[in-house]
Every structure is written in structure tokens, then in C-alpha cells.
């Protein structure tokens, strides 16, 4: 899969994420226009909370801080690190998922005016996707699916989703290719 195809797939995930985020406001909080959310939105927020409580959805940090908590300073938000650790996948696959999560987090925090850093992150992104894909061989689609999920849970708030969209605008028009060889971090 080339970088353009991957970004197209991730764009679809992001659209779904943004729709879900707008529904997650729940309760009696008002939205940006100052109106209360619809009853359907409140019901959806309750369903999401119930799914989180049951473990079917990860419990994610929803603070307004784009970085979020990373108490061990490993470059992965703590909630995402915990979610990866709980996945029923091999240690190799978890290591690949953490590599992908570090890149997704860095994409939210990068200086969008620094072309050198944007290019470096593009290379790291492609390396992480390939590593994740290879860790699931021969069922590489599971690796792609996990990569998409990591994008979605990393950009899980309005602020993070906006930053992820800004990152994608900043790299729009760039190109790259899937790197050769083993791209997994040691």
C-alpha cells in the first residue's frame, strides 16, 4: 500500500472518529453553537460509557490537552499504552503497535511548519505501518486495521482530531514509498 492509499484509508477513519467525537459530548453540556445536544447524542454518549465500562471500548483520556498523560515518557499516551497491552496479540505485534502509536502521537505534536520533521515523520509512519503489517503476516490486513484503530484512538477528542487534520493538511501533496527490509524498531 502506498502512502497516498494509506492516507485515504486513514481519512475515512478520521471522518468516523469526528462523527463519534461530536456524539460523545453527551450530558447537558452545550455544543459550540450554545445549544444542548439532542437526546440521541446523549443516548449515544451513555452507550459509549457502557461499552467502555464493559471493556468493549477502551477507556481513553478525553482531556483538552493534545499530548495527554504519558507518565513513563515513552512517547505513547498512557491510555493507549494500556489498551495495546490488553490486546490479545503477540508480544511482537504489541511492540509493532507501540511503534505505530508513538508515531501517531508525534504527528499530533509536531511543528507543522518544520518540513524536515514532517518528512521524517512520514518516513517513520510508513516504517511503522510496514512493521505492523509484517507482524501480522500472513493476515496483514489485521495490521492495517490495528493501525487505523490506533489513529482513531489517538485523535479521540475534538482538539486532537483538529490537530490530526492540521497535520494531514501540512503533509498534503507529499509522497513517499514503503521502505524495504525490516522496519521494526529494535
Protein backbone atom coordinates (compact mmCIF):
# COMPACT_ATOMS: atom_id res chain seq x y z
CA UNK A 1 0.00 0.00 0.00
CA UNK A 2 1.42 3.39 -0.90
CA UNK A 3 1.36 6.42 1.36
CA UNK A 4 -1.46 8.08 -0.58
CA UNK A 5 -3.66 4.96 -0.24
CA UNK A 6 -2.88 4.71 3.44
CA UNK A 7 -3.76 8.36 3.99
CA UNK A 8 -7.04 7.86 2.12
CA UNK A 9 -7.90 4.93 4.39
CA UNK A 10 -6.94 6.93 7.47
CA UNK A 11 -9.05 9.84 6.25
CA UNK A 12 -12.12 7.60 6.28
CA UNK A 13 -11.33 6.50 9.81
CA UNK A 14 -10.92 10.12 10.85
CA UNK A 15 -14.31 11.11 9.44
CA UNK A 16 -15.93 8.36 11.52
CA UNK A 17 -13.89 9.47 14.51
CA UNK A 18 -15.03 13.07 14.21
CA UNK A 19 -18.65 11.99 13.94
CA UNK A 20 -18.24 9.85 17.05
CA UNK A 21 -16.49 12.67 18.90
CA UNK A 22 -19.30 15.05 18.16
CA UNK A 23 -21.67 12.48 19.60
CA UNK A 24 -19.54 11.91 22.71
CA UNK A 25 -20.22 15.31 24.18
CA UNK A 26 -23.27 13.84 25.95
CA UNK A 27 -24.91 15.03 29.15
CA UNK A 28 -26.28 18.54 29.32
CA UNK A 29 -23.18 20.30 28.04
CA UNK A 30 -23.84 22.71 25.25
CA UNK A 31 -22.19 22.45 21.88
CA UNK A 32 -20.25 25.21 20.10
CA UNK A 33 -23.45 26.94 18.98
CA UNK A 34 -24.62 27.11 22.59
CA UNK A 35 -27.45 24.64 22.16
CA UNK A 36 -27.89 21.42 24.10
CA UNK A 37 -27.12 18.16 22.34
CA UNK A 38 -30.02 16.11 21.02
CA UNK A 39 -31.46 13.24 23.09
CA UNK A 40 -29.92 10.81 20.56
CA UNK A 41 -26.48 12.29 21.26
CA UNK A 42 -26.95 11.84 25.00
CA UNK A 43 -28.08 8.25 24.45
CA UNK A 44 -25.02 7.58 22.31
CA UNK A 45 -22.75 9.01 25.00
CA UNK A 46 -24.37 6.66 27.54
CA UNK A 47 -23.87 3.71 25.19
CA UNK A 48 -20.20 4.63 24.76
CA UNK A 49 -19.73 4.84 28.53
CA UNK A 50 -21.38 1.45 28.94
CA UNK A 51 -19.14 -0.08 26.27
CA UNK A 52 -16.10 1.41 28.00
CA UNK A 53 -17.23 0.04 31.35
CA UNK A 54 -17.65 -3.42 29.80
CA UNK A 55 -14.22 -3.30 28.17
CA UNK A 56 -15.59 -3.45 24.64
CA UNK A 57 -14.24 0.06 24.01
CA UNK A 58 -11.03 1.39 25.53
CA UNK A 59 -11.27 3.96 28.30
CA UNK A 60 -9.49 6.90 26.73
CA UNK A 61 -8.18 10.15 28.09
CA UNK A 62 -10.51 12.92 26.94
CA UNK A 63 -8.67 15.90 28.39
CA UNK A 64 -8.30 19.02 26.25
CA UNK A 65 -4.52 18.58 26.33
CA UNK A 66 -3.42 17.31 22.92
CA UNK A 67 -0.46 15.46 24.43
CA UNK A 68 -2.41 13.70 27.17
CA UNK A 69 -0.78 11.78 30.01
CA UNK A 70 2.46 9.92 29.30
CA UNK A 71 3.83 9.27 32.78
CA UNK A 72 6.58 6.92 31.61
CA UNK A 73 7.65 9.31 28.81
CA UNK A 74 7.74 6.56 26.18
CA UNK A 75 6.01 8.73 23.56
CA UNK A 76 2.68 6.91 23.86
CA UNK A 77 -0.29 8.23 25.80
CA UNK A 78 -0.77 6.05 28.88
CA UNK A 79 -4.35 5.08 27.99
CA UNK A 80 -3.28 3.87 24.55
CA UNK A 81 -0.30 2.02 26.00
CA UNK A 82 -2.66 0.27 28.44
CA UNK A 83 -5.06 -0.57 25.62
CA UNK A 84 -2.27 -2.08 23.50
CA UNK A 85 -1.06 -4.15 26.45
CA UNK A 86 -4.57 -5.59 26.87
CA UNK A 87 -4.92 -6.68 23.24
CA UNK A 88 -5.00 -10.44 22.56
CA UNK A 89 -1.98 -10.30 20.24
CA UNK A 90 1.62 -11.49 20.43
CA UNK A 91 4.41 -9.53 22.09
CA UNK A 92 5.90 -8.84 18.64
CA UNK A 93 2.58 -7.41 17.48
CA UNK A 94 2.27 -5.30 20.63
CA UNK A 95 5.77 -3.94 20.05
CA UNK A 96 4.79 -3.03 16.47
CA UNK A 97 1.56 -1.43 17.72
CA UNK A 98 3.55 0.67 20.20
CA UNK A 99 5.86 1.79 17.40
CA UNK A 100 2.80 2.91 15.42
CA UNK A 101 1.28 4.62 18.47
CA UNK A 102 4.49 6.61 19.08
CA UNK A 103 4.41 7.88 15.51
CA UNK A 104 0.70 8.81 15.70
CA UNK A 105 1.35 10.72 18.94
CA UNK A 106 4.33 12.53 17.37
CA UNK A 107 2.11 13.54 14.45
CA UNK A 108 -0.15 15.39 16.87
CA UNK A 109 2.76 17.21 18.49
CA UNK A 110 4.99 18.10 15.52
CA UNK A 111 5.71 21.69 14.49
CA UNK A 112 3.60 21.87 11.34
CA UNK A 113 5.94 24.46 9.79
CA UNK A 114 9.01 22.19 10.05
CA UNK A 115 9.17 20.42 6.68
CA UNK A 116 12.21 18.36 7.67
CA UNK A 117 10.40 16.99 10.71
CA UNK A 118 7.22 16.38 8.71
CA UNK A 119 9.22 14.38 6.15
CA UNK A 120 10.93 12.43 8.93
CA UNK A 121 7.55 11.59 10.48
CA UNK A 122 6.28 10.50 7.07
CA UNK A 123 9.15 8.04 6.84
CA UNK A 124 8.56 6.84 10.41
CA UNK A 125 4.86 6.44 9.67
CA UNK A 126 5.47 4.26 6.64
CA UNK A 127 8.02 2.20 8.61
CA UNK A 128 5.56 1.68 11.46
CA UNK A 129 2.75 0.64 9.11
CA UNK A 130 5.02 -1.85 7.37
CA UNK A 131 6.25 -3.22 10.71
CA UNK A 132 2.70 -3.65 11.97
CA UNK A 133 1.61 -5.27 8.72
CA UNK A 134 4.53 -7.72 8.75
CA UNK A 135 3.96 -8.63 12.39
CA UNK A 136 0.53 -10.00 11.40
CA UNK A 137 1.63 -11.95 8.32
CA UNK A 138 0.06 -13.75 6.58
CA UNK A 139 -3.06 -11.85 7.72
CA UNK A 140 -1.52 -8.43 7.07
CA UNK A 141 -4.95 -6.77 6.89
CA UNK A 142 -5.21 -7.15 10.68
CA UNK A 143 -2.09 -4.99 10.93
CA UNK A 144 -3.63 -2.32 8.71
CA UNK A 145 -6.84 -2.48 10.74
CA UNK A 146 -4.93 -2.09 14.00
CA UNK A 147 -3.06 0.87 12.51
CA UNK A 148 -6.38 2.55 11.66
CA UNK A 149 -7.67 1.90 15.17
CA UNK A 150 -4.55 3.47 16.67
CA UNK A 151 -5.14 6.59 14.57
CA UNK A 152 -8.74 6.76 15.74
CA UNK A 153 -8.00 6.35 19.45
CA UNK A 154 -5.05 8.76 19.29
CA UNK A 155 -7.21 11.52 17.78
CA UNK A 156 -10.08 10.83 20.19
CA UNK A 157 -11.02 14.38 21.19
CA UNK A 158 -12.06 17.39 19.20
CA UNK A 159 -8.71 19.11 19.85
CA UNK A 160 -6.72 16.02 18.87
CA UNK A 161 -8.82 15.39 15.77
CA UNK A 162 -8.37 19.01 14.68
CA UNK A 163 -4.62 18.71 15.20
CA UNK A 164 -4.52 15.46 13.24
CA UNK A 165 -6.42 17.14 10.39
CA UNK A 166 -3.96 20.05 10.52
CA UNK A 167 -1.08 17.57 10.35
CA UNK A 168 -2.65 15.92 7.29
CA UNK A 169 -3.12 19.33 5.64
CA UNK A 170 0.54 20.12 6.33
CA UNK A 171 1.70 16.93 4.61
CA UNK A 172 -0.83 17.12 1.79
CA UNK A 173 0.89 16.64 -1.55
CA UNK A 174 3.88 14.86 -0.07
CA UNK A 175 4.78 11.45 -1.36
CA UNK A 176 6.79 8.53 -0.19
CA UNK A 177 7.19 4.84 -0.62
CA UNK A 178 7.02 1.85 1.61
CA UNK A 179 10.53 1.24 2.94
CA UNK A 180 12.34 -2.01 2.26
CA UNK A 181 13.56 -4.52 4.79
CA UNK A 182 12.71 -4.86 8.45
CA UNK A 183 11.26 -1.54 9.62
CA UNK A 184 10.52 -2.59 13.18
CA UNK A 185 12.29 -0.72 15.95
CA UNK A 186 14.90 -2.80 17.79
